[in-house]
């Protein structure tokens, strides 16, 4: 039951790193892009350098599409080649789901009615699981990591055919500059893995070759908001994501062992 419930979330969760968003940050309907900026890979390289310099951030997101709604929040900590996160998702169909994404293992906490025993609300999934349950849950963990890792969602800029500067905008009272990118879907597909790659490949098979992507950078070059246009088999999925608290200390730690059920302990 746990594996099926978590997997049911993926159709929505996979798109949180790159969804469609209505403008709720006060920038208004953007005019068409005007000024060409450095190529996508160069822009992303600069953003990544600044993110690693800060080391931590918090984020919030909400979205609706394909008959599904979700919202959530979290904190993340990252270095070059390393990403940890504490993510909470809420969907009407499943309630609140929390995930701790750590380098050697990840932990999933489901609503009490759908998860393991109340005394052990956390399910541990090893980076290299040894059981069928662990191997079933590993793609879920991988997709959560891919969805929330800035190197993956903001990393889509590396596949941009062109990036243009839209102009000044305000995100939560923070002055920013909005950028518009047209992504080459074939290049983007080659840069991602797992279910995200499958999703992109299905779009390619349906004749979609480009994606629209928006990112808002503050005066220091840090991302404050991102969005993208993603057509799916269920229609457009609309998500907005906001980054906050750059550089503020966050804690992403494993739950107490007494509260954890190890997926590798369930044989068969």
C-alpha atoms as a PDB file:
ATOM      1  CA  UNK A   1       0.000   0.000   0.000  1.00  0.00           C
ATOM      2  CA  UNK A   2       2.806   2.441   0.887  1.00  0.00           C
ATOM      3  CA  UNK A   3       4.595   1.984  -2.422  1.00  0.00           C
ATOM      4  CA  UNK A   4       1.387   2.368  -4.420  1.00  0.00           C
ATOM      5  CA  UNK A   5       0.388   5.515  -2.520  1.00  0.00           C
ATOM      6  CA  UNK A   6       3.752   7.211  -2.969  1.00  0.00           C
ATOM      7  CA  UNK A   7       3.967   6.247  -6.623  1.00  0.00           C
ATOM      8  CA  UNK A   8       0.516   7.731  -7.184  1.00  0.00           C
ATOM      9  CA  UNK A   9       1.963  11.102  -6.218  1.00  0.00           C
ATOM     10  CA  UNK A  10       4.634  11.061  -8.885  1.00  0.00           C
ATOM     11  CA  UNK A  11       2.473  12.188 -11.774  1.00  0.00           C
ATOM     12  CA  UNK A  12       2.142  15.542 -10.042  1.00  0.00           C
ATOM     13  CA  UNK A  13       5.412  15.693  -8.145  1.00  0.00           C
ATOM     14  CA  UNK A  14       7.580  15.108 -11.206  1.00  0.00           C
ATOM     15  CA  UNK A  15       6.447  18.432 -12.614  1.00  0.00           C
ATOM     16  CA  UNK A  16       7.129  20.630  -9.599  1.00  0.00           C
ATOM     17  CA  UNK A  17      10.569  21.412 -10.888  1.00  0.00           C
ATOM     18  CA  UNK A  18       9.208  22.620 -14.199  1.00  0.00           C
ATOM     19  CA  UNK A  19       5.539  23.516 -14.371  1.00  0.00           C
ATOM     20  CA  UNK A  20       3.194  26.162 -15.706  1.00  0.00           C
ATOM     21  CA  UNK A  21       2.511  29.168 -13.501  1.00  0.00           C
ATOM     22  CA  UNK A  22       0.170  32.115 -13.464  1.00  0.00           C
ATOM     23  CA  UNK A  23       1.884  35.323 -12.368  1.00  0.00           C
ATOM     24  CA  UNK A  24       1.212  35.836  -8.680  1.00  0.00           C
ATOM     25  CA  UNK A  25       4.440  37.636  -7.792  1.00  0.00           C
ATOM     26  CA  UNK A  26       3.344  41.083  -8.804  1.00  0.00           C
ATOM     27  CA  UNK A  27       5.223  41.306 -12.102  1.00  0.00           C
ATOM     28  CA  UNK A  28       2.064  41.361 -14.235  1.00  0.00           C
ATOM     29  CA  UNK A  29       1.715  39.841 -17.677  1.00  0.00           C
ATOM     30  CA  UNK A  30       5.195  39.884 -19.145  1.00  0.00           C
ATOM     31  CA  UNK A  31       5.858  41.508 -22.465  1.00  0.00           C
ATOM     32  CA  UNK A  32       7.633  39.344 -24.968  1.00  0.00           C
ATOM     33  CA  UNK A  33      11.353  39.027 -24.234  1.00  0.00           C
ATOM     34  CA  UNK A  34      13.475  41.852 -25.521  1.00  0.00           C
ATOM     35  CA  UNK A  35      17.171  41.633 -24.720  1.00  0.00           C
ATOM     36  CA  UNK A  36      19.291  38.557 -25.403  1.00  0.00           C
ATOM     37  CA  UNK A  37      21.429  37.380 -22.466  1.00  0.00           C
ATOM     38  CA  UNK A  38      24.353  34.923 -22.268  1.00  0.00           C
ATOM     39  CA  UNK A  39      23.577  31.378 -23.484  1.00  0.00           C
ATOM     40  CA  UNK A  40      21.639  29.120 -21.137  1.00  0.00           C
ATOM     41  CA  UNK A  41      24.654  27.038 -20.027  1.00  0.00           C
ATOM     42  CA  UNK A  42      26.580  30.176 -19.075  1.00  0.00           C
ATOM     43  CA  UNK A  43      23.625  31.653 -17.199  1.00  0.00           C
ATOM     44  CA  UNK A  44      23.065  28.409 -15.298  1.00  0.00           C
ATOM     45  CA  UNK A  45      26.777  28.151 -14.441  1.00  0.00           C
ATOM     46  CA  UNK A  46      26.651  31.593 -12.850  1.00  0.00           C
ATOM     47  CA  UNK A  47      23.424  30.789 -10.960  1.00  0.00           C
ATOM     48  CA  UNK A  48      24.859  27.484  -9.682  1.00  0.00           C
ATOM     49  CA  UNK A  49      28.028  29.173  -8.467  1.00  0.00           C
ATOM     50  CA  UNK A  50      25.998  31.696  -6.496  1.00  0.00           C
ATOM     51  CA  UNK A  51      23.704  29.004  -5.027  1.00  0.00           C
ATOM     52  CA  UNK A  52      26.666  26.940  -3.848  1.00  0.00           C
ATOM     53  CA  UNK A  53      28.124  30.100  -2.348  1.00  0.00           C
ATOM     54  CA  UNK A  54      25.014  30.505  -0.189  1.00  0.00           C
ATOM     55  CA  UNK A  55      24.714  26.787   0.543  1.00  0.00           C
ATOM     56  CA  UNK A  56      21.100  26.710   1.782  1.00  0.00           C
ATOM     57  CA  UNK A  57      17.606  27.989   0.997  1.00  0.00           C
ATOM     58  CA  UNK A  58      13.959  27.341   1.759  1.00  0.00           C
ATOM     59  CA  UNK A  59      11.173  27.091  -0.810  1.00  0.00           C
ATOM     60  CA  UNK A  60       7.410  26.925  -1.224  1.00  0.00           C
ATOM     61  CA  UNK A  61       5.304  25.750  -4.146  1.00  0.00           C
ATOM     62  CA  UNK A  62       1.714  25.186  -5.159  1.00  0.00           C
ATOM     63  CA  UNK A  63       0.071  23.949  -8.298  1.00  0.00           C
ATOM     64  CA  UNK A  64      -2.924  22.540 -10.086  1.00  0.00           C
ATOM     65  CA  UNK A  65      -3.412  20.627 -13.310  1.00  0.00           C
ATOM     66  CA  UNK A  66      -4.755  17.429 -14.780  1.00  0.00           C
ATOM     67  CA  UNK A  67      -7.377  17.268 -12.060  1.00  0.00           C
ATOM     68  CA  UNK A  68      -4.682  17.214  -9.359  1.00  0.00           C
ATOM     69  CA  UNK A  69      -3.702  19.854  -6.818  1.00  0.00           C
ATOM     70  CA  UNK A  70      -0.679  19.982  -4.559  1.00  0.00           C
ATOM     71  CA  UNK A  71       1.240  22.365  -2.362  1.00  0.00           C
ATOM     72  CA  UNK A  72       4.320  22.124  -0.247  1.00  0.00           C
ATOM     73  CA  UNK A  73       7.390  23.583   1.303  1.00  0.00           C
ATOM     74  CA  UNK A  74      10.863  22.575   2.281  1.00  0.00           C
ATOM     75  CA  UNK A  75      14.458  23.385   3.042  1.00  0.00           C
ATOM     76  CA  UNK A  76      17.525  22.396   1.071  1.00  0.00           C
ATOM     77  CA  UNK A  77      21.259  22.284   1.567  1.00  0.00           C
ATOM     78  CA  UNK A  78      23.703  21.805  -1.271  1.00  0.00           C
ATOM     79  CA  UNK A  79      27.317  21.841  -2.343  1.00  0.00           C
ATOM     80  CA  UNK A  80      28.932  21.021  -5.658  1.00  0.00           C
ATOM     81  CA  UNK A  81      27.575  17.578  -6.560  1.00  0.00           C
ATOM     82  CA  UNK A  82      25.612  17.220  -3.308  1.00  0.00           C
ATOM     83  CA  UNK A  83      21.992  17.983  -2.422  1.00  0.00           C
ATOM     84  CA  UNK A  84      19.950  17.327   0.747  1.00  0.00           C
ATOM     85  CA  UNK A  85      16.338  18.353   1.286  1.00  0.00           C
ATOM     86  CA  UNK A  86      13.444  18.178   3.726  1.00  0.00           C
ATOM     87  CA  UNK A  87      10.274  18.300   1.600  1.00  0.00           C
ATOM     88  CA  UNK A  88       6.597  18.289   2.562  1.00  0.00           C
ATOM     89  CA  UNK A  89       3.808  17.744   0.022  1.00  0.00           C
ATOM     90  CA  UNK A  90       0.081  18.047   0.540  1.00  0.00           C
ATOM     91  CA  UNK A  91      -2.560  16.629  -1.791  1.00  0.00           C
ATOM     92  CA  UNK A  92      -6.299  16.296  -1.072  1.00  0.00           C
ATOM     93  CA  UNK A  93      -6.256  12.654  -2.158  1.00  0.00           C
ATOM     94  CA  UNK A  94      -3.385  11.573   0.083  1.00  0.00           C
ATOM     95  CA  UNK A  95      -2.888  14.202   2.764  1.00  0.00           C
ATOM     96  CA  UNK A  96       0.578  15.306   3.822  1.00  0.00           C
ATOM     97  CA  UNK A  97       3.674  13.421   2.751  1.00  0.00           C
ATOM     98  CA  UNK A  98       7.165  14.305   3.958  1.00  0.00           C
ATOM     99  CA  UNK A  99      10.501  13.232   2.532  1.00  0.00           C
ATOM    100  CA  UNK A 100      14.026  13.598   3.873  1.00  0.00           C
ATOM    101  CA  UNK A 101      16.511  13.263   1.014  1.00  0.00           C
ATOM    102  CA  UNK A 102      20.025  12.504   2.263  1.00  0.00           C
ATOM    103  CA  UNK A 103      23.167  11.275   0.449  1.00  0.00           C
ATOM    104  CA  UNK A 104      23.209   7.648   1.651  1.00  0.00           C
ATOM    105  CA  UNK A 105      19.498   7.094   2.318  1.00  0.00           C
ATOM    106  CA  UNK A 106      16.135   8.819   2.120  1.00  0.00           C
ATOM    107  CA  UNK A 107      13.118   8.690   4.410  1.00  0.00           C
ATOM    108  CA  UNK A 108       9.417   8.872   3.525  1.00  0.00           C
ATOM    109  CA  UNK A 109       6.674   9.700   6.027  1.00  0.00           C
ATOM    110  CA  UNK A 110       3.155   8.976   4.821  1.00  0.00           C
ATOM    111  CA  UNK A 111      -0.181   9.931   6.406  1.00  0.00           C
ATOM    112  CA  UNK A 112      -0.892   7.575   9.312  1.00  0.00           C
ATOM    113  CA  UNK A 113      -3.721   5.756   7.522  1.00  0.00           C
ATOM    114  CA  UNK A 114      -1.489   4.981   4.534  1.00  0.00           C
ATOM    115  CA  UNK A 115       1.934   4.575   6.072  1.00  0.00           C
ATOM    116  CA  UNK A 116       3.607   2.050   8.362  1.00  0.00           C
ATOM    117  CA  UNK A 117       2.799   1.676  12.061  1.00  0.00           C
ATOM    118  CA  UNK A 118       2.399   4.880  14.057  1.00  0.00           C
ATOM    119  CA  UNK A 119       5.391   3.940  16.219  1.00  0.00           C
ATOM    120  CA  UNK A 120       7.584   3.937  13.105  1.00  0.00           C
ATOM    121  CA  UNK A 121       6.178   6.556  10.729  1.00  0.00           C
ATOM    122  CA  UNK A 122       9.320   6.811   8.589  1.00  0.00           C
ATOM    123  CA  UNK A 123      10.234   4.437   5.762  1.00  0.00           C
ATOM    124  CA  UNK A 124      13.972   4.281   5.049  1.00  0.00           C
ATOM    125  CA  UNK A 125      15.041   3.734   1.442  1.00  0.00           C
ATOM    126  CA  UNK A 126      18.736   3.035   0.927  1.00  0.00           C
ATOM    127  CA  UNK A 127      20.669   4.476  -1.984  1.00  0.00           C
ATOM    128  CA  UNK A 128      21.136   0.857  -3.147  1.00  0.00           C
ATOM    129  CA  UNK A 129      18.188  -1.093  -1.741  1.00  0.00           C
ATOM    130  CA  UNK A 130      18.384  -4.835  -1.264  1.00  0.00           C
ATOM    131  CA  UNK A 131      14.693  -5.750  -1.180  1.00  0.00           C
ATOM    132  CA  UNK A 132      11.772  -5.585  -3.583  1.00  0.00           C
ATOM    133  CA  UNK A 133      10.049  -2.877  -1.530  1.00  0.00           C
ATOM    134  CA  UNK A 134      13.221  -0.802  -1.452  1.00  0.00           C
ATOM    135  CA  UNK A 135      13.718  -1.149  -5.194  1.00  0.00           C
ATOM    136  CA  UNK A 136      10.057  -0.197  -5.750  1.00  0.00           C
ATOM    137  CA  UNK A 137      10.420   2.960  -3.670  1.00  0.00           C
ATOM    138  CA  UNK A 138      13.828   3.985  -5.038  1.00  0.00           C
ATOM    139  CA  UNK A 139      12.386   5.542  -8.255  1.00  0.00           C
ATOM    140  CA  UNK A 140      10.026   7.557  -6.054  1.00  0.00           C
ATOM    141  CA  UNK A 141      12.954   8.906  -4.066  1.00  0.00           C
ATOM    142  CA  UNK A 142      14.959   9.554  -7.220  1.00  0.00           C
ATOM    143  CA  UNK A 143      12.103  11.506  -8.772  1.00  0.00           C
ATOM    144  CA  UNK A 144      11.577  13.566  -5.635  1.00  0.00           C
ATOM    145  CA  UNK A 145      15.275  14.369  -5.643  1.00  0.00           C
ATOM    146  CA  UNK A 146      15.216  15.252  -9.330  1.00  0.00           C
ATOM    147  CA  UNK A 147      12.131  17.420  -8.902  1.00  0.00           C
ATOM    148  CA  UNK A 148      13.492  19.541  -6.068  1.00  0.00           C
ATOM    149  CA  UNK A 149      17.212  19.602  -6.793  1.00  0.00           C
ATOM    150  CA  UNK A 150      18.018  23.035  -8.295  1.00  0.00           C
ATOM    151  CA  UNK A 151      20.721  21.384 -10.386  1.00  0.00           C
ATOM    152  CA  UNK A 152      17.912  19.512 -12.130  1.00  0.00           C
ATOM    153  CA  UNK A 153      15.083  22.042 -12.450  1.00  0.00           C
ATOM    154  CA  UNK A 154      17.164  25.200 -12.854  1.00  0.00           C
ATOM    155  CA  UNK A 155      19.661  23.007 -14.688  1.00  0.00           C
ATOM    156  CA  UNK A 156      17.174  22.855 -17.558  1.00  0.00           C
ATOM    157  CA  UNK A 157      18.660  26.217 -18.567  1.00  0.00           C
ATOM    158  CA  UNK A 158      21.603  24.247 -19.930  1.00  0.00           C
ATOM    159  CA  UNK A 159      19.346  23.076 -22.749  1.00  0.00           C
ATOM    160  CA  UNK A 160      18.123  26.573 -23.642  1.00  0.00           C
ATOM    161  CA  UNK A 161      18.348  27.509 -27.290  1.00  0.00           C
ATOM    162  CA  UNK A 162      18.168  31.137 -26.245  1.00  0.00           C
ATOM    163  CA  UNK A 163      17.607  33.192 -23.102  1.00  0.00           C
ATOM    164  CA  UNK A 164      16.194  36.705 -23.199  1.00  0.00           C
ATOM    165  CA  UNK A 165      15.762  39.336 -20.532  1.00  0.00           C
ATOM    166  CA  UNK A 166      12.109  40.243 -20.034  1.00  0.00           C
ATOM    167  CA  UNK A 167      12.709  43.070 -17.587  1.00  0.00           C
ATOM    168  CA  UNK A 168      12.405  44.079 -13.929  1.00  0.00           C
ATOM    169  CA  UNK A 169       9.871  42.378 -11.666  1.00  0.00           C
ATOM    170  CA  UNK A 170       9.201  42.020  -7.953  1.00  0.00           C
ATOM    171  CA  UNK A 171       8.996  38.659  -6.200  1.00  0.00           C
ATOM    172  CA  UNK A 172       7.785  38.891  -2.584  1.00  0.00           C
ATOM    173  CA  UNK A 173       9.038  42.488  -2.326  1.00  0.00           C
ATOM    174  CA  UNK A 174      12.467  41.493  -3.660  1.00  0.00           C
ATOM    175  CA  UNK A 175      13.625  43.316  -6.824  1.00  0.00           C
ATOM    176  CA  UNK A 176      14.410  40.812  -9.557  1.00  0.00           C
ATOM    177  CA  UNK A 177      14.943  40.516 -13.279  1.00  0.00           C
ATOM    178  CA  UNK A 178      12.788  38.071 -15.202  1.00  0.00           C
ATOM    179  CA  UNK A 179      14.346  35.877 -17.898  1.00  0.00           C
ATOM    180  CA  UNK A 180      12.598  33.817 -20.545  1.00  0.00           C
ATOM    181  CA  UNK A 181      14.208  30.709 -22.048  1.00  0.00           C
ATOM    182  CA  UNK A 182      13.211  28.393 -24.863  1.00  0.00           C
ATOM    183  CA  UNK A 183      14.447  24.898 -24.014  1.00  0.00           C
ATOM    184  CA  UNK A 184      15.429  22.274 -26.548  1.00  0.00           C
ATOM    185  CA  UNK A 185      13.487  19.244 -25.308  1.00  0.00           C
ATOM    186  CA  UNK A 186      15.882  16.749 -26.887  1.00  0.00           C
ATOM    187  CA  UNK A 187      18.816  18.312 -25.066  1.00  0.00           C
ATOM    188  CA  UNK A 188      16.799  18.486 -21.841  1.00  0.00           C
ATOM    189  CA  UNK A 189      15.873  14.804 -22.138  1.00  0.00           C
ATOM    190  CA  UNK A 190      19.539  13.865 -22.411  1.00  0.00           C
ATOM    191  CA  UNK A 191      20.316  15.778 -19.201  1.00  0.00           C
ATOM    192  CA  UNK A 192      17.777  14.133 -16.870  1.00  0.00           C
ATOM    193  CA  UNK A 193      17.188  10.590 -15.661  1.00  0.00           C
ATOM    194  CA  UNK A 194      14.470   8.199 -14.533  1.00  0.00           C
ATOM    195  CA  UNK A 195      10.818   9.142 -14.734  1.00  0.00           C
ATOM    196  CA  UNK A 196      11.577  12.709 -15.776  1.00  0.00           C
ATOM    197  CA  UNK A 197      13.392  11.415 -18.840  1.00  0.00           C
ATOM    198  CA  UNK A 198      10.452   9.127 -19.598  1.00  0.00           C
ATOM    199  CA  UNK A 199       8.072  12.084 -19.278  1.00  0.00           C
ATOM    200  CA  UNK A 200      10.165  14.218 -21.630  1.00  0.00           C
ATOM    201  CA  UNK A 201      10.553  11.344 -24.075  1.00  0.00           C
ATOM    202  CA  UNK A 202       6.793  10.865 -24.212  1.00  0.00           C
ATOM    203  CA  UNK A 203       6.477  14.550 -25.046  1.00  0.00           C
ATOM    204  CA  UNK A 204       9.041  14.188 -27.820  1.00  0.00           C
ATOM    205  CA  UNK A 205       7.130  11.195 -29.153  1.00  0.00           C
ATOM    206  CA  UNK A 206       4.003  13.378 -29.198  1.00  0.00           C
ATOM    207  CA  UNK A 207       5.805  15.978 -31.321  1.00  0.00           C
ATOM    208  CA  UNK A 208       6.728  18.513 -28.615  1.00  0.00           C
ATOM    209  CA  UNK A 209      10.257  19.843 -29.288  1.00  0.00           C
ATOM    210  CA  UNK A 210      10.578  22.961 -27.120  1.00  0.00           C
ATOM    211  CA  UNK A 211       9.574  24.109 -23.646  1.00  0.00           C
ATOM    212  CA  UNK A 212       9.026  27.615 -22.274  1.00  0.00           C
ATOM    213  CA  UNK A 213      10.911  28.430 -19.064  1.00  0.00           C
ATOM    214  CA  UNK A 214      10.947  31.490 -16.809  1.00  0.00           C
ATOM    215  CA  UNK A 215      13.343  32.360 -13.988  1.00  0.00           C
ATOM    216  CA  UNK A 216      13.507  35.446 -11.785  1.00  0.00           C
ATOM    217  CA  UNK A 217      16.977  36.407 -10.437  1.00  0.00           C
ATOM    218  CA  UNK A 218      17.604  38.956  -7.686  1.00  0.00           C
ATOM    219  CA  UNK A 219      20.316  41.619  -7.809  1.00  0.00           C
ATOM    220  CA  UNK A 220      22.923  39.124  -6.554  1.00  0.00           C
ATOM    221  CA  UNK A 221      22.070  36.602  -9.277  1.00  0.00           C
ATOM    222  CA  UNK A 222      20.235  34.158  -6.992  1.00  0.00           C
ATOM    223  CA  UNK A 223      16.977  32.576  -8.208  1.00  0.00           C
ATOM    224  CA  UNK A 224      13.829  33.760  -6.472  1.00  0.00           C
ATOM    225  CA  UNK A 225      11.224  32.133  -8.672  1.00  0.00           C
ATOM    226  CA  UNK A 226      10.943  29.769 -11.635  1.00  0.00           C
ATOM    227  CA  UNK A 227       8.260  28.358 -13.916  1.00  0.00           C
ATOM    228  CA  UNK A 228       7.919  26.537 -17.204  1.00  0.00           C
ATOM    229  CA  UNK A 229       5.251  25.434 -19.669  1.00  0.00           C
ATOM    230  CA  UNK A 230       4.888  21.631 -19.632  1.00  0.00           C
ATOM    231  CA  UNK A 231       2.152  19.967 -21.694  1.00  0.00           C
ATOM    232  CA  UNK A 232       1.155  16.555 -20.329  1.00  0.00           C
ATOM    233  CA  UNK A 233      -1.276  13.851 -21.398  1.00  0.00           C
ATOM    234  CA  UNK A 234      -3.686  15.286 -18.795  1.00  0.00           C
ATOM    235  CA  UNK A 235      -3.293  18.861 -20.003  1.00  0.00           C
ATOM    236  CA  UNK A 236      -1.139  21.645 -18.628  1.00  0.00           C
ATOM    237  CA  UNK A 237       0.219  21.374 -15.106  1.00  0.00           C
ATOM    238  CA  UNK A 238       0.496  24.752 -13.370  1.00  0.00           C
ATOM    239  CA  UNK A 239       3.055  25.216 -10.585  1.00  0.00           C
ATOM    240  CA  UNK A 240       4.792  28.185  -9.014  1.00  0.00           C
ATOM    241  CA  UNK A 241       7.994  27.798  -7.009  1.00  0.00           C
ATOM    242  CA  UNK A 242       9.577  30.440  -4.772  1.00  0.00           C
ATOM    243  CA  UNK A 243      13.067  30.366  -3.208  1.00  0.00           C
ATOM    244  CA  UNK A 244      13.628  32.172   0.104  1.00  0.00           C
ATOM    245  CA  UNK A 245      16.117  32.560   2.952  1.00  0.00           C
ATOM    246  CA  UNK A 246      19.301  32.080   0.964  1.00  0.00           C
ATOM    247  CA  UNK A 247      22.200  31.303   3.306  1.00  0.00           C
ATOM    248  CA  UNK A 248      20.055  30.802   6.412  1.00  0.00           C
ATOM    249  CA  UNK A 249      21.028  27.792   8.508  1.00  0.00           C
ATOM    250  CA  UNK A 250      18.791  24.764   7.902  1.00  0.00           C
ATOM    251  CA  UNK A 251      18.810  21.267   9.389  1.00  0.00           C
ATOM    252  CA  UNK A 252      18.212  18.215   7.215  1.00  0.00           C
ATOM    253  CA  UNK A 253      18.805  15.214   9.479  1.00  0.00           C
ATOM    254  CA  UNK A 254      17.681  11.601   9.591  1.00  0.00           C
ATOM    255  CA  UNK A 255      14.819  10.745  11.997  1.00  0.00           C
ATOM    256  CA  UNK A 256      15.515   8.792  15.153  1.00  0.00           C
ATOM    257  CA  UNK A 257      16.213   5.115  14.475  1.00  0.00           C
ATOM    258  CA  UNK A 258      13.342   4.098  16.768  1.00  0.00           C
ATOM    259  CA  UNK A 259      10.936   5.918  14.444  1.00  0.00           C
ATOM    260  CA  UNK A 260      12.191   4.268  11.252  1.00  0.00           C
ATOM    261  CA  UNK A 261      11.091   1.157   9.391  1.00  0.00           C
ATOM    262  CA  UNK A 262      13.862   0.029   7.016  1.00  0.00           C
ATOM    263  CA  UNK A 263      12.561  -1.082   3.627  1.00  0.00           C
ATOM    264  CA  UNK A 264      15.542  -3.443   3.412  1.00  0.00           C
ATOM    265  CA  UNK A 265      14.258  -5.345   6.443  1.00  0.00           C
ATOM    266  CA  UNK A 266      11.151  -6.512   4.621  1.00  0.00           C
ATOM    267  CA  UNK A 267      12.152  -9.527   2.572  1.00  0.00           C
ATOM    268  CA  UNK A 268      10.209 -10.971  -0.280  1.00  0.00           C
END
